[in-house]
Amino acid sequence: MTINEKISQIKKTIEEIKNITKNLSNETILESKIEKMRNEILMLKKGIGESIDELDEILGDEDARS
């Protein structure tokens, strides 16, 4: 997954959180879904960080060859 795809997924998840908070009245279900989405955001954030690290390594290798 590219960085743009990961960012897009984060935006989608945030929108889902907003929609859930508007539409749900059952607090337990709401808390459960928010926690699940929070975990998804954390996983995406970690993936983006790893992608950036990989990109830095690639670019570093390219600079060293130049």
PDB file of N, CA and C in Angstrom:
ATOM      1  N   MET A   1       0.850  -1.167   0.000  1.00  0.00           N
ATOM      2  CA  MET A   1       0.000   0.000   0.000  1.00  0.00           C
ATOM      3  C   MET A   1       0.903   1.240   0.000  1.00  0.00           C
ATOM      4  N   THR A   2       0.604   2.177  -0.879  1.00  0.00           N
ATOM      5  CA  THR A   2       1.413   3.386  -0.961  1.00  0.00           C
ATOM      6  C   THR A   2       1.061   4.331   0.184  1.00  0.00           C
ATOM      7  N   ILE A   3       1.891   5.329   0.387  1.00  0.00           N
ATOM      8  CA  ILE A   3       1.640   6.316   1.441  1.00  0.00           C
ATOM      9  C   ILE A   3       0.330   7.035   1.177  1.00  0.00           C
ATOM     10  N   ASN A   4       0.072   7.413  -0.070  1.00  0.00           N
ATOM     11  CA  ASN A   4      -1.187   8.091  -0.400  1.00  0.00           C
ATOM     12  C   ASN A   4      -2.389   7.201  -0.105  1.00  0.00           C
ATOM     13  N   GLU A   5      -2.274   5.913  -0.386  1.00  0.00           N
ATOM     14  CA  GLU A   5      -3.367   4.985  -0.088  1.00  0.00           C
ATOM     15  C   GLU A   5      -3.582   4.880   1.418  1.00  0.00           C
ATOM     16  N   LYS A   6      -2.494   4.861   2.178  1.00  0.00           N
ATOM     17  CA  LYS A   6      -2.604   4.783   3.631  1.00  0.00           C
ATOM     18  C   LYS A   6      -3.239   6.049   4.195  1.00  0.00           C
ATOM     19  N   ILE A   7      -2.845   7.197   3.681  1.00  0.00           N
ATOM     20  CA  ILE A   7      -3.432   8.461   4.122  1.00  0.00           C
ATOM     21  C   ILE A   7      -4.913   8.499   3.770  1.00  0.00           C
ATOM     22  N   SER A   8      -5.250   8.035   2.591  1.00  0.00           N
ATOM     23  CA  SER A   8      -6.646   7.974   2.172  1.00  0.00           C
ATOM     24  C   SER A   8      -7.447   7.070   3.106  1.00  0.00           C
ATOM     25  N   GLN A   9      -6.860   5.946   3.511  1.00  0.00           N
ATOM     26  CA  GLN A   9      -7.526   5.027   4.433  1.00  0.00           C
ATOM     27  C   GLN A   9      -7.738   5.693   5.794  1.00  0.00           C
ATOM     28  N   ILE A  10      -6.760   6.455   6.256  1.00  0.00           N
ATOM     29  CA  ILE A  10      -6.902   7.169   7.529  1.00  0.00           C
ATOM     30  C   ILE A  10      -8.056   8.166   7.435  1.00  0.00           C
ATOM     31  N   LYS A  11      -8.125   8.904   6.341  1.00  0.00           N
ATOM     32  CA  LYS A  11      -9.211   9.871   6.157  1.00  0.00           C
ATOM     33  C   LYS A  11     -10.560   9.166   6.161  1.00  0.00           C
ATOM     34  N   LYS A  12     -10.626   8.029   5.475  1.00  0.00           N
ATOM     35  CA  LYS A  12     -11.873   7.260   5.421  1.00  0.00           C
ATOM     36  C   LYS A  12     -12.267   6.796   6.823  1.00  0.00           C
ATOM     37  N   THR A  13     -11.308   6.318   7.586  1.00  0.00           N
ATOM     38  CA  THR A  13     -11.586   5.839   8.935  1.00  0.00           C
ATOM     39  C   THR A  13     -12.068   6.979   9.822  1.00  0.00           C
ATOM     40  N   ILE A  14     -11.462   8.148   9.696  1.00  0.00           N
ATOM     41  CA  ILE A  14     -11.887   9.313  10.474  1.00  0.00           C
ATOM     42  C   ILE A  14     -13.324   9.689  10.125  1.00  0.00           C
ATOM     43  N   GLU A  15     -13.662   9.652   8.837  1.00  0.00           N
ATOM     44  CA  GLU A  15     -15.032   9.953   8.426  1.00  0.00           C
ATOM     45  C   GLU A  15     -16.009   8.928   9.004  1.00  0.00           C
ATOM     46  N   GLU A  16     -15.592   7.659   9.025  1.00  0.00           N
ATOM     47  CA  GLU A  16     -16.446   6.623   9.613  1.00  0.00           C
ATOM     48  C   GLU A  16     -16.669   6.893  11.100  1.00  0.00           C
ATOM     49  N   ILE A  17     -15.635   7.325  11.791  1.00  0.00           N
ATOM     50  CA  ILE A  17     -15.766   7.652  13.216  1.00  0.00           C
ATOM     51  C   ILE A  17     -16.765   8.794  13.392  1.00  0.00           C
ATOM     52  N   LYS A  18     -16.653   9.808  12.563  1.00  0.00           N
ATOM     53  CA  LYS A  18     -17.583  10.934  12.644  1.00  0.00           C
ATOM     54  C   LYS A  18     -19.015  10.478  12.414  1.00  0.00           C
ATOM     55  N   ASN A  19     -19.227   9.628  11.397  1.00  0.00           N
ATOM     56  CA  ASN A  19     -20.569   9.136  11.090  1.00  0.00           C
ATOM     57  C   ASN A  19     -21.121   8.282  12.226  1.00  0.00           C
ATOM     58  N   ILE A  20     -20.291   7.463  12.806  1.00  0.00           N
ATOM     59  CA  ILE A  20     -20.744   6.613  13.905  1.00  0.00           C
ATOM     60  C   ILE A  20     -21.170   7.459  15.096  1.00  0.00           C
ATOM     61  N   THR A  21     -20.376   8.478  15.415  1.00  0.00           N
ATOM     62  CA  THR A  21     -20.719   9.306  16.565  1.00  0.00           C
ATOM     63  C   THR A  21     -22.021  10.061  16.346  1.00  0.00           C
ATOM     64  N   LYS A  22     -22.357  10.353  15.106  1.00  0.00           N
ATOM     65  CA  LYS A  22     -23.610  11.043  14.812  1.00  0.00           C
ATOM     66  C   LYS A  22     -24.798  10.095  14.860  1.00  0.00           C
ATOM     67  N   ASN A  23     -24.592   8.836  14.446  1.00  0.00           N
ATOM     68  CA  ASN A  23     -25.704   7.923  14.223  1.00  0.00           C
ATOM     69  C   ASN A  23     -25.966   6.912  15.333  1.00  0.00           C
ATOM     70  N   LEU A  24     -25.043   6.691  16.225  1.00  0.00           N
ATOM     71  CA  LEU A  24     -25.238   5.665  17.246  1.00  0.00           C
ATOM     72  C   LEU A  24     -25.655   6.268  18.575  1.00  0.00           C
ATOM     73  N   SER A  25     -26.562   5.593  19.234  1.00  0.00           N
ATOM     74  CA  SER A  25     -26.967   6.040  20.559  1.00  0.00           C
ATOM     75  C   SER A  25     -26.479   5.082  21.633  1.00  0.00           C
ATOM     76  N   ASN A  26     -26.123   3.873  21.269  1.00  0.00           N
ATOM     77  CA  ASN A  26     -25.656   2.894  22.242  1.00  0.00           C
ATOM     78  C   ASN A  26     -24.173   3.129  22.519  1.00  0.00           C
ATOM     79  N   GLU A  27     -23.881   3.607  23.712  1.00  0.00           N
ATOM     80  CA  GLU A  27     -22.519   4.014  24.061  1.00  0.00           C
ATOM     81  C   GLU A  27     -21.519   2.861  24.006  1.00  0.00           C
ATOM     82  N   THR A  28     -21.924   1.669  24.396  1.00  0.00           N
ATOM     83  CA  THR A  28     -21.014   0.526  24.388  1.00  0.00           C
ATOM     84  C   THR A  28     -20.588   0.171  22.970  1.00  0.00           C
ATOM     85  N   ILE A  29     -21.544   0.135  22.064  1.00  0.00           N
ATOM     86  CA  ILE A  29     -21.225  -0.159  20.665  1.00  0.00           C
ATOM     87  C   ILE A  29     -20.334   0.941  20.099  1.00  0.00           C
ATOM     88  N   LEU A  30     -20.670   2.169  20.415  1.00  0.00           N
ATOM     89  CA  LEU A  30     -19.887   3.310  19.953  1.00  0.00           C
ATOM     90  C   LEU A  30     -18.445   3.204  20.421  1.00  0.00           C
ATOM     91  N   GLU A  31     -18.244   2.950  21.698  1.00  0.00           N
ATOM     92  CA  GLU A  31     -16.890   2.841  22.245  1.00  0.00           C
ATOM     93  C   GLU A  31     -16.123   1.702  21.590  1.00  0.00           C
ATOM     94  N   SER A  32     -16.795   0.583  21.353  1.00  0.00           N
ATOM     95  CA  SER A  32     -16.154  -0.570  20.720  1.00  0.00           C
ATOM     96  C   SER A  32     -15.707  -0.235  19.299  1.00  0.00           C
ATOM     97  N   LYS A  33     -16.583   0.398  18.535  1.00  0.00           N
ATOM     98  CA  LYS A  33     -16.238   0.737  17.156  1.00  0.00           C
ATOM     99  C   LYS A  33     -15.145   1.803  17.114  1.00  0.00           C
ATOM    100  N   ILE A  34     -15.204   2.781  17.996  1.00  0.00           N
ATOM    101  CA  ILE A  34     -14.167   3.815  18.033  1.00  0.00           C
ATOM    102  C   ILE A  34     -12.817   3.188  18.374  1.00  0.00           C
ATOM    103  N   GLU A  35     -12.797   2.268  19.325  1.00  0.00           N
ATOM    104  CA  GLU A  35     -11.549   1.602  19.696  1.00  0.00           C
ATOM    105  C   GLU A  35     -10.996   0.799  18.519  1.00  0.00           C
ATOM    106  N   LYS A  36     -11.873   0.116  17.800  1.00  0.00           N
ATOM    107  CA  LYS A  36     -11.439  -0.654  16.625  1.00  0.00           C
ATOM    108  C   LYS A  36     -10.834   0.275  15.573  1.00  0.00           C
ATOM    109  N   MET A  37     -11.487   1.391  15.320  1.00  0.00           N
ATOM    110  CA  MET A  37     -10.984   2.334  14.318  1.00  0.00           C
ATOM    111  C   MET A  37      -9.697   3.007  14.786  1.00  0.00           C
ATOM    112  N   ARG A  38      -9.606   3.273  16.076  1.00  0.00           N
ATOM    113  CA  ARG A  38      -8.379   3.850  16.625  1.00  0.00           C
ATOM    114  C   ARG A  38      -7.215   2.893  16.384  1.00  0.00           C
ATOM    115  N   ASN A  39      -7.456   1.610  16.599  1.00  0.00           N
ATOM    116  CA  ASN A  39      -6.412   0.609  16.359  1.00  0.00           C
ATOM    117  C   ASN A  39      -6.036   0.550  14.880  1.00  0.00           C
ATOM    118  N   GLU A  40      -7.035   0.677  13.996  1.00  0.00           N
ATOM    119  CA  GLU A  40      -6.748   0.696  12.560  1.00  0.00           C
ATOM    120  C   GLU A  40      -5.884   1.901  12.199  1.00  0.00           C
ATOM    121  N   ILE A  41      -6.200   3.047  12.774  1.00  0.00           N
ATOM    122  CA  ILE A  41      -5.410   4.261  12.521  1.00  0.00           C
ATOM    123  C   ILE A  41      -3.978   4.064  12.995  1.00  0.00           C
ATOM    124  N   LEU A  42      -3.808   3.477  14.169  1.00  0.00           N
ATOM    125  CA  LEU A  42      -2.461   3.237  14.691  1.00  0.00           C
ATOM    126  C   LEU A  42      -1.673   2.295  13.778  1.00  0.00           C
ATOM    127  N   MET A  43      -2.348   1.253  13.254  1.00  0.00           N
ATOM    128  CA  MET A  43      -1.671   0.326  12.337  1.00  0.00           C
ATOM    129  C   MET A  43      -1.275   1.037  11.052  1.00  0.00           C
ATOM    130  N   LEU A  44      -2.171   1.866  10.516  1.00  0.00           N
ATOM    131  CA  LEU A  44      -1.855   2.624   9.306  1.00  0.00           C
ATOM    132  C   LEU A  44      -0.720   3.606   9.560  1.00  0.00           C
ATOM    133  N   LYS A  45      -0.748   4.254  10.708  1.00  0.00           N
ATOM    134  CA  LYS A  45       0.317   5.201  11.056  1.00  0.00           C
ATOM    135  C   LYS A  45       1.665   4.485  11.122  1.00  0.00           C
ATOM    136  N   LYS A  46       1.669   3.308  11.712  1.00  0.00           N
ATOM    137  CA  LYS A  46       2.895   2.518  11.790  1.00  0.00           C
ATOM    138  C   LYS A  46       3.363   2.135  10.388  1.00  0.00           C
ATOM    139  N   GLY A  47       2.416   1.722   9.538  1.00  0.00           N
ATOM    140  CA  GLY A  47       2.757   1.350   8.167  1.00  0.00           C
ATOM    141  C   GLY A  47       3.330   2.515   7.387  1.00  0.00           C
ATOM    142  N   ILE A  48       2.761   3.698   7.583  1.00  0.00           N
ATOM    143  CA  ILE A  48       3.283   4.895   6.913  1.00  0.00           C
ATOM    144  C   ILE A  48       4.703   5.176   7.382  1.00  0.00           C
ATOM    145  N   GLY A  49       4.916   5.058   8.695  1.00  0.00           N
ATOM    146  CA  GLY A  49       6.262   5.273   9.235  1.00  0.00           C
ATOM    147  C   GLY A  49       7.265   4.293   8.637  1.00  0.00           C
ATOM    148  N   GLU A  50       6.855   3.029   8.515  1.00  0.00           N
ATOM    149  CA  GLU A  50       7.741   2.021   7.932  1.00  0.00           C
ATOM    150  C   GLU A  50       8.013   2.332   6.459  1.00  0.00           C
ATOM    151  N   SER A  51       6.980   2.788   5.743  1.00  0.00           N
ATOM    152  CA  SER A  51       7.163   3.143   4.334  1.00  0.00           C
ATOM    153  C   SER A  51       8.129   4.307   4.193  1.00  0.00           C
ATOM    154  N   ILE A  52       8.011   5.275   5.074  1.00  0.00           N
ATOM    155  CA  ILE A  52       8.917   6.424   5.038  1.00  0.00           C
ATOM    156  C   ILE A  52      10.346   5.985   5.331  1.00  0.00           C
ATOM    157  N   ASP A  53      10.510   5.081   6.307  1.00  0.00           N
ATOM    158  CA  ASP A  53      11.846   4.568   6.621  1.00  0.00           C
ATOM    159  C   ASP A  53      12.444   3.837   5.421  1.00  0.00           C
ATOM    160  N   GLU A  54      11.622   3.015   4.755  1.00  0.00           N
ATOM    161  CA  GLU A  54      12.095   2.303   3.571  1.00  0.00           C
ATOM    162  C   GLU A  54      12.482   3.284   2.467  1.00  0.00           C
ATOM    163  N   LEU A  55      11.670   4.302   2.293  1.00  0.00           N
ATOM    164  CA  LEU A  55      11.954   5.308   1.274  1.00  0.00           C
ATOM    165  C   LEU A  55      13.257   6.039   1.594  1.00  0.00           C
ATOM    166  N   ASP A  56      13.454   6.375   2.869  1.00  0.00           N
ATOM    167  CA  ASP A  56      14.701   7.019   3.279  1.00  0.00           C
ATOM    168  C   ASP A  56      15.899   6.135   2.973  1.00  0.00           C
ATOM    169  N   GLU A  57      15.766   4.836   3.222  1.00  0.00           N
ATOM    170  CA  GLU A  57      16.861   3.908   2.932  1.00  0.00           C
ATOM    171  C   GLU A  57      17.154   3.860   1.436  1.00  0.00           C
ATOM    172  N   ILE A  58      16.091   3.767   0.646  1.00  0.00           N
ATOM    173  CA  ILE A  58      16.260   3.734  -0.810  1.00  0.00           C
ATOM    174  C   ILE A  58      16.917   4.997  -1.303  1.00  0.00           C
ATOM    175  N   LEU A  59      16.421   6.132  -0.848  1.00  0.00           N
ATOM    176  CA  LEU A  59      16.982   7.415  -1.292  1.00  0.00           C
ATOM    177  C   LEU A  59      18.421   7.576  -0.793  1.00  0.00           C
ATOM    178  N   GLY A  60      18.692   7.084   0.405  1.00  0.00           N
ATOM    179  CA  GLY A  60      20.057   7.126   0.934  1.00  0.00           C
ATOM    180  C   GLY A  60      21.004   6.306   0.099  1.00  0.00           C
ATOM    181  N   ASP A  61      20.535   5.127  -0.326  1.00  0.00           N
ATOM    182  CA  ASP A  61      21.352   4.266  -1.190  1.00  0.00           C
ATOM    183  C   ASP A  61      21.576   4.942  -2.548  1.00  0.00           C
ATOM    184  N   GLU A  62      20.540   5.597  -3.063  1.00  0.00           N
ATOM    185  CA  GLU A  62      20.661   6.291  -4.352  1.00  0.00           C
ATOM    186  C   GLU A  62      21.665   7.433  -4.238  1.00  0.00           C
ATOM    187  N   ASP A  63      21.611   8.198  -3.129  1.00  0.00           N
ATOM    188  CA  ASP A  63      22.541   9.307  -2.929  1.00  0.00           C
ATOM    189  C   ASP A  63      23.969   8.792  -2.818  1.00  0.00           C
ATOM    190  N   ALA A  64      24.146   7.663  -2.170  1.00  0.00           N
ATOM    191  CA  ALA A  64      25.490   7.120  -2.001  1.00  0.00           C
ATOM    192  C   ALA A  64      26.068   6.678  -3.341  1.00  0.00           C
ATOM    193  N   ARG A  65      25.233   6.242  -4.249  1.00  0.00           N
ATOM    194  CA  ARG A  65      25.711   5.791  -5.557  1.00  0.00           C
ATOM    195  C   ARG A  65      26.027   6.962  -6.478  1.00  0.00           C
ATOM    196  N   SER A  66      25.437   8.110  -6.196  1.00  0.00           N
ATOM    197  CA  SER A  66      25.612   9.282  -7.083  1.00  0.00           C
ATOM    198  C   SER A  66      26.966   9.902  -6.932  1.00  0.00           C
TER     199      SER A  66
END
